[in-house]
Amino acid sequence: SKVGSAGLIMAIVGGALMPKLQGMI
């Protein structure tokens, strides 16, 4: 869970990438 939790927190990168793409649209 300690390592798995990191993967799920790293997934927050979706909040960096997708708004950038939306801004481009």
PDB file of all heavy atoms in Angstrom:
ATOM      1  N   SER A   1       0.826  -1.211   0.000  1.00  0.00           N
ATOM      2  CA  SER A   1       0.000   0.000   0.000  1.00  0.00           C
ATOM      3  C   SER A   1       0.858   1.258   0.000  1.00  0.00           C
ATOM      4  O   SER A   1       0.498   2.257  -0.617  1.00  0.00           O
ATOM      5  CB  SER A   1      -0.938   0.018   1.216  1.00  0.00           C
ATOM      6  OG  SER A   1      -1.932  -0.982   1.085  1.00  0.00           O
ATOM      7  N   LYS A   2       1.993   1.224   0.705  1.00  0.00           N
ATOM      8  CA  LYS A   2       2.864   2.408   0.741  1.00  0.00           C
ATOM      9  C   LYS A   2       3.374   2.741  -0.661  1.00  0.00           C
ATOM     10  O   LYS A   2       3.389   3.903  -1.068  1.00  0.00           O
ATOM     11  CB  LYS A   2       4.045   2.176   1.690  1.00  0.00           C
ATOM     12  CG  LYS A   2       3.682   2.265   3.159  1.00  0.00           C
ATOM     13  CD  LYS A   2       4.909   2.090   4.034  1.00  0.00           C
ATOM     14  CE  LYS A   2       4.566   2.259   5.513  1.00  0.00           C
ATOM     15  NZ  LYS A   2       5.754   2.092   6.386  1.00  0.00           N
ATOM     16  N   VAL A   3       3.795   1.710  -1.393  1.00  0.00           N
ATOM     17  CA  VAL A   3       4.281   1.929  -2.758  1.00  0.00           C
ATOM     18  C   VAL A   3       3.099   2.156  -3.701  1.00  0.00           C
ATOM     19  O   VAL A   3       3.147   3.026  -4.576  1.00  0.00           O
ATOM     20  CB  VAL A   3       5.129   0.736  -3.232  1.00  0.00           C
ATOM     21  CG1 VAL A   3       5.620   0.958  -4.660  1.00  0.00           C
ATOM     22  CG2 VAL A   3       6.319   0.524  -2.298  1.00  0.00           C
ATOM     23  N   GLY A   4       2.036   1.385  -3.506  1.00  0.00           N
ATOM     24  CA  GLY A   4       0.852   1.537  -4.345  1.00  0.00           C
ATOM     25  C   GLY A   4       0.217   2.901  -4.199  1.00  0.00           C
ATOM     26  O   GLY A   4      -0.296   3.477  -5.166  1.00  0.00           O
ATOM     27  N   SER A   5       0.263   3.432  -2.993  1.00  0.00           N
ATOM     28  CA  SER A   5      -0.259   4.768  -2.746  1.00  0.00           C
ATOM     29  C   SER A   5       0.484   5.796  -3.587  1.00  0.00           C
ATOM     30  O   SER A   5      -0.119   6.735  -4.127  1.00  0.00           O
ATOM     31  CB  SER A   5      -0.117   5.118  -1.259  1.00  0.00           C
ATOM     32  OG  SER A   5      -0.467   6.452  -1.021  1.00  0.00           O
ATOM     33  N   ALA A   6       1.796   5.601  -3.738  1.00  0.00           N
ATOM     34  CA  ALA A   6       2.591   6.535  -4.534  1.00  0.00           C
ATOM     35  C   ALA A   6       2.114   6.557  -5.978  1.00  0.00           C
ATOM     36  O   ALA A   6       2.027   7.616  -6.602  1.00  0.00           O
ATOM     37  CB  ALA A   6       4.063   6.146  -4.479  1.00  0.00           C
ATOM     38  N   GLY A   7       1.805   5.376  -6.527  1.00  0.00           N
ATOM     39  CA  GLY A   7       1.305   5.317  -7.893  1.00  0.00           C
ATOM     40  C   GLY A   7       0.006   6.074  -8.054  1.00  0.00           C
ATOM     41  O   GLY A   7      -0.207   6.773  -9.055  1.00  0.00           O
ATOM     42  N   LEU A   8      -0.866   5.971  -7.058  1.00  0.00           N
ATOM     43  CA  LEU A   8      -2.161   6.659  -7.123  1.00  0.00           C
ATOM     44  C   LEU A   8      -2.001   8.165  -6.928  1.00  0.00           C
ATOM     45  O   LEU A   8      -2.786   8.950  -7.482  1.00  0.00           O
ATOM     46  CB  LEU A   8      -3.108   6.079  -6.065  1.00  0.00           C
ATOM     47  CG  LEU A   8      -3.591   4.660  -6.385  1.00  0.00           C
ATOM     48  CD1 LEU A   8      -4.143   3.987  -5.128  1.00  0.00           C
ATOM     49  CD2 LEU A   8      -4.646   4.678  -7.482  1.00  0.00           C
ATOM     50  N   ILE A   9      -1.011   8.583  -6.141  1.00  0.00           N
ATOM     51  CA  ILE A   9      -0.748  10.014  -5.991  1.00  0.00           C
ATOM     52  C   ILE A   9      -0.048  10.552  -7.242  1.00  0.00           C
ATOM     53  O   ILE A   9      -0.340  11.668  -7.691  1.00  0.00           O
ATOM     54  CB  ILE A   9       0.110  10.285  -4.734  1.00  0.00           C
ATOM     55  CG1 ILE A   9      -0.644   9.830  -3.472  1.00  0.00           C
ATOM     56  CG2 ILE A   9       0.444  11.766  -4.628  1.00  0.00           C
ATOM     57  CD1 ILE A   9      -2.018  10.444  -3.294  1.00  0.00           C
ATOM     58  N   MET A  10       0.847   9.762  -7.832  1.00  0.00           N
ATOM     59  CA  MET A  10       1.464  10.168  -9.094  1.00  0.00           C
ATOM     60  C   MET A  10       0.404  10.361 -10.178  1.00  0.00           C
ATOM     61  O   MET A  10       0.575  11.171 -11.093  1.00  0.00           O
ATOM     62  CB  MET A  10       2.494   9.126  -9.547  1.00  0.00           C
ATOM     63  CG  MET A  10       3.764   9.089  -8.710  1.00  0.00           C
ATOM     64  SD  MET A  10       4.872   7.738  -9.166  1.00  0.00           S
ATOM     65  CE  MET A  10       5.511   8.354 -10.725  1.00  0.00           C
ATOM     66  N   ALA A  11      -0.686   9.624 -10.059  1.00  0.00           N
ATOM     67  CA  ALA A  11      -1.778   9.730 -11.035  1.00  0.00           C
ATOM     68  C   ALA A  11      -2.409  11.118 -11.032  1.00  0.00           C
ATOM     69  O   ALA A  11      -3.109  11.487 -11.982  1.00  0.00           O
ATOM     70  CB  ALA A  11      -2.839   8.662 -10.752  1.00  0.00           C
ATOM     71  N   ILE A  12      -2.153  11.876  -9.980  1.00  0.00           N
ATOM     72  CA  ILE A  12      -2.661  13.250  -9.917  1.00  0.00           C
ATOM     73  C   ILE A  12      -2.071  14.090 -11.044  1.00  0.00           C
ATOM     74  O   ILE A  12      -2.570  15.177 -11.341  1.00  0.00           O
ATOM     75  CB  ILE A  12      -2.384  13.847  -8.513  1.00  0.00           C
ATOM     76  CG1 ILE A  12      -3.248  13.133  -7.468  1.00  0.00           C
ATOM     77  CG2 ILE A  12      -2.659  15.339  -8.458  1.00  0.00           C
ATOM     78  CD1 ILE A  12      -2.979  13.547  -6.030  1.00  0.00           C
ATOM     79  N   VAL A  13      -1.028  13.559 -11.706  1.00  0.00           N
ATOM     80  CA  VAL A  13      -0.444  14.260 -12.852  1.00  0.00           C
ATOM     81  C   VAL A  13      -1.493  14.507 -13.936  1.00  0.00           C
ATOM     82  O   VAL A  13      -1.329  15.385 -14.786  1.00  0.00           O
ATOM     83  CB  VAL A  13       0.759  13.475 -13.430  1.00  0.00           C
ATOM     84  CG1 VAL A  13       0.296  12.255 -14.221  1.00  0.00           C
ATOM     85  CG2 VAL A  13       1.627  14.377 -14.297  1.00  0.00           C
ATOM     86  N   GLY A  14      -2.582  13.760 -13.892  1.00  0.00           N
ATOM     87  CA  GLY A  14      -3.690  14.023 -14.819  1.00  0.00           C
ATOM     88  C   GLY A  14      -4.187  15.448 -14.686  1.00  0.00           C
ATOM     89  O   GLY A  14      -4.650  16.054 -15.663  1.00  0.00           O
ATOM     90  N   GLY A  15      -4.070  15.995 -13.484  1.00  0.00           N
ATOM     91  CA  GLY A  15      -4.472  17.377 -13.240  1.00  0.00           C
ATOM     92  C   GLY A  15      -3.511  18.380 -13.828  1.00  0.00           C
ATOM     93  O   GLY A  15      -3.824  19.574 -13.915  1.00  0.00           O
ATOM     94  N   ALA A  16      -2.318  17.934 -14.228  1.00  0.00           N
ATOM     95  CA  ALA A  16      -1.359  18.814 -14.894  1.00  0.00           C
ATOM     96  C   ALA A  16      -1.508  18.746 -16.407  1.00  0.00           C
ATOM     97  O   ALA A  16      -1.490  19.767 -17.090  1.00  0.00           O
ATOM     98  CB  ALA A  16       0.073  18.425 -14.498  1.00  0.00           C
ATOM     99  N   LEU A  17      -1.663  17.536 -16.920  1.00  0.00           N
ATOM    100  CA  LEU A  17      -1.653  17.333 -18.369  1.00  0.00           C
ATOM    101  C   LEU A  17      -2.968  17.700 -19.051  1.00  0.00           C
ATOM    102  O   LEU A  17      -2.974  18.377 -20.086  1.00  0.00           O
ATOM    103  CB  LEU A  17      -1.296  15.869 -18.667  1.00  0.00           C
ATOM    104  CG  LEU A  17       0.043  15.367 -18.122  1.00  0.00           C
ATOM    105  CD1 LEU A  17       0.224  13.887 -18.435  1.00  0.00           C
ATOM    106  CD2 LEU A  17       1.195  16.177 -18.693  1.00  0.00           C
ATOM    107  N   MET A  18      -4.066  17.263 -18.474  1.00  0.00           N
ATOM    108  CA  MET A  18      -5.348  17.435 -19.174  1.00  0.00           C
ATOM    109  C   MET A  18      -5.827  18.888 -19.212  1.00  0.00           C
ATOM    110  O   MET A  18      -6.345  19.342 -20.238  1.00  0.00           O
ATOM    111  CB  MET A  18      -6.393  16.495 -18.584  1.00  0.00           C
ATOM    112  CG  MET A  18      -5.984  15.034 -18.701  1.00  0.00           C
ATOM    113  SD  MET A  18      -7.273  13.844 -18.328  1.00  0.00           S
ATOM    114  CE  MET A  18      -8.210  13.885 -19.850  1.00  0.00           C
ATOM    115  N   PRO A  19      -5.665  19.686 -18.143  1.00  0.00           N
ATOM    116  CA  PRO A  19      -6.024  21.114 -18.261  1.00  0.00           C
ATOM    117  C   PRO A  19      -5.188  21.842 -19.307  1.00  0.00           C
ATOM    118  O   PRO A  19      -5.673  22.763 -19.959  1.00  0.00           O
ATOM    119  CB  PRO A  19      -5.758  21.653 -16.848  1.00  0.00           C
ATOM    120  CG  PRO A  19      -5.910  20.478 -15.963  1.00  0.00           C
ATOM    121  CD  PRO A  19      -5.341  19.332 -16.758  1.00  0.00           C
ATOM    122  N   LYS A  20      -3.916  21.430 -19.442  1.00  0.00           N
ATOM    123  CA  LYS A  20      -3.060  22.024 -20.470  1.00  0.00           C
ATOM    124  C   LYS A  20      -3.649  21.751 -21.853  1.00  0.00           C
ATOM    125  O   LYS A  20      -3.725  22.648 -22.706  1.00  0.00           O
ATOM    126  CB  LYS A  20      -1.657  21.445 -20.354  1.00  0.00           C
ATOM    127  CG  LYS A  20      -0.634  22.001 -21.362  1.00  0.00           C
ATOM    128  CD  LYS A  20      -0.239  23.419 -21.026  1.00  0.00           C
ATOM    129  CE  LYS A  20       0.917  23.882 -21.899  1.00  0.00           C
ATOM    130  NZ  LYS A  20       1.229  25.313 -21.695  1.00  0.00           N
ATOM    131  N   LEU A  21      -4.097  20.523 -22.078  1.00  0.00           N
ATOM    132  CA  LEU A  21      -4.716  20.151 -23.349  1.00  0.00           C
ATOM    133  C   LEU A  21      -6.023  20.900 -23.554  1.00  0.00           C
ATOM    134  O   LEU A  21      -6.321  21.374 -24.662  1.00  0.00           O
ATOM    135  CB  LEU A  21      -4.951  18.635 -23.382  1.00  0.00           C
ATOM    136  CG  LEU A  21      -5.549  18.045 -24.664  1.00  0.00           C
ATOM    137  CD1 LEU A  21      -4.689  18.391 -25.874  1.00  0.00           C
ATOM    138  CD2 LEU A  21      -5.685  16.526 -24.529  1.00  0.00           C
ATOM    139  N   GLN A  22      -6.806  21.044 -22.466  1.00  0.00           N
ATOM    140  CA  GLN A  22      -8.049  21.794 -22.579  1.00  0.00           C
ATOM    141  C   GLN A  22      -7.776  23.261 -22.911  1.00  0.00           C
ATOM    142  O   GLN A  22      -8.495  23.867 -23.716  1.00  0.00           O
ATOM    143  CB  GLN A  22      -8.859  21.692 -21.280  1.00  0.00           C
ATOM    144  CG  GLN A  22     -10.265  22.304 -21.414  1.00  0.00           C
ATOM    145  CD  GLN A  22     -11.107  22.124 -20.171  1.00  0.00           C
ATOM    146  OE1 GLN A  22     -10.598  21.793 -19.096  1.00  0.00           O
ATOM    147  NE2 GLN A  22     -12.398  22.348 -20.276  1.00  0.00           N
ATOM    148  N   GLY A  23      -6.742  23.829 -22.305  1.00  0.00           N
ATOM    149  CA  GLY A  23      -6.364  25.213 -22.614  1.00  0.00           C
ATOM    150  C   GLY A  23      -6.003  25.379 -24.080  1.00  0.00           C
ATOM    151  O   GLY A  23      -6.332  26.393 -24.703  1.00  0.00           O
ATOM    152  N   MET A  24      -5.351  24.379 -24.647  1.00  0.00           N
ATOM    153  CA  MET A  24      -4.989  24.418 -26.063  1.00  0.00           C
ATOM    154  C   MET A  24      -6.241  24.396 -26.946  1.00  0.00           C
ATOM    155  O   MET A  24      -6.299  25.072 -27.978  1.00  0.00           O
ATOM    156  CB  MET A  24      -4.064  23.253 -26.406  1.00  0.00           C
ATOM    157  CG  MET A  24      -2.691  23.345 -25.754  1.00  0.00           C
ATOM    158  SD  MET A  24      -1.703  21.829 -25.894  1.00  0.00           S
ATOM    159  CE  MET A  24      -1.422  21.798 -27.672  1.00  0.00           C
ATOM    160  N   ILE A  25      -7.249  23.624 -26.535  1.00  0.00           N
ATOM    161  CA  ILE A  25      -8.505  23.592 -27.291  1.00  0.00           C
ATOM    162  C   ILE A  25      -9.187  24.957 -27.225  1.00  0.00           C
ATOM    163  O   ILE A  25      -9.674  25.478 -28.236  1.00  0.00           O
ATOM    164  CB  ILE A  25      -9.443  22.492 -26.741  1.00  0.00           C
ATOM    165  CG1 ILE A  25      -8.854  21.100 -27.003  1.00  0.00           C
ATOM    166  CG2 ILE A  25     -10.831  22.601 -27.378  1.00  0.00           C
ATOM    167  CD1 ILE A  25      -9.633  19.967 -26.372  1.00  0.00           C
TER     168      ILE A  25
END
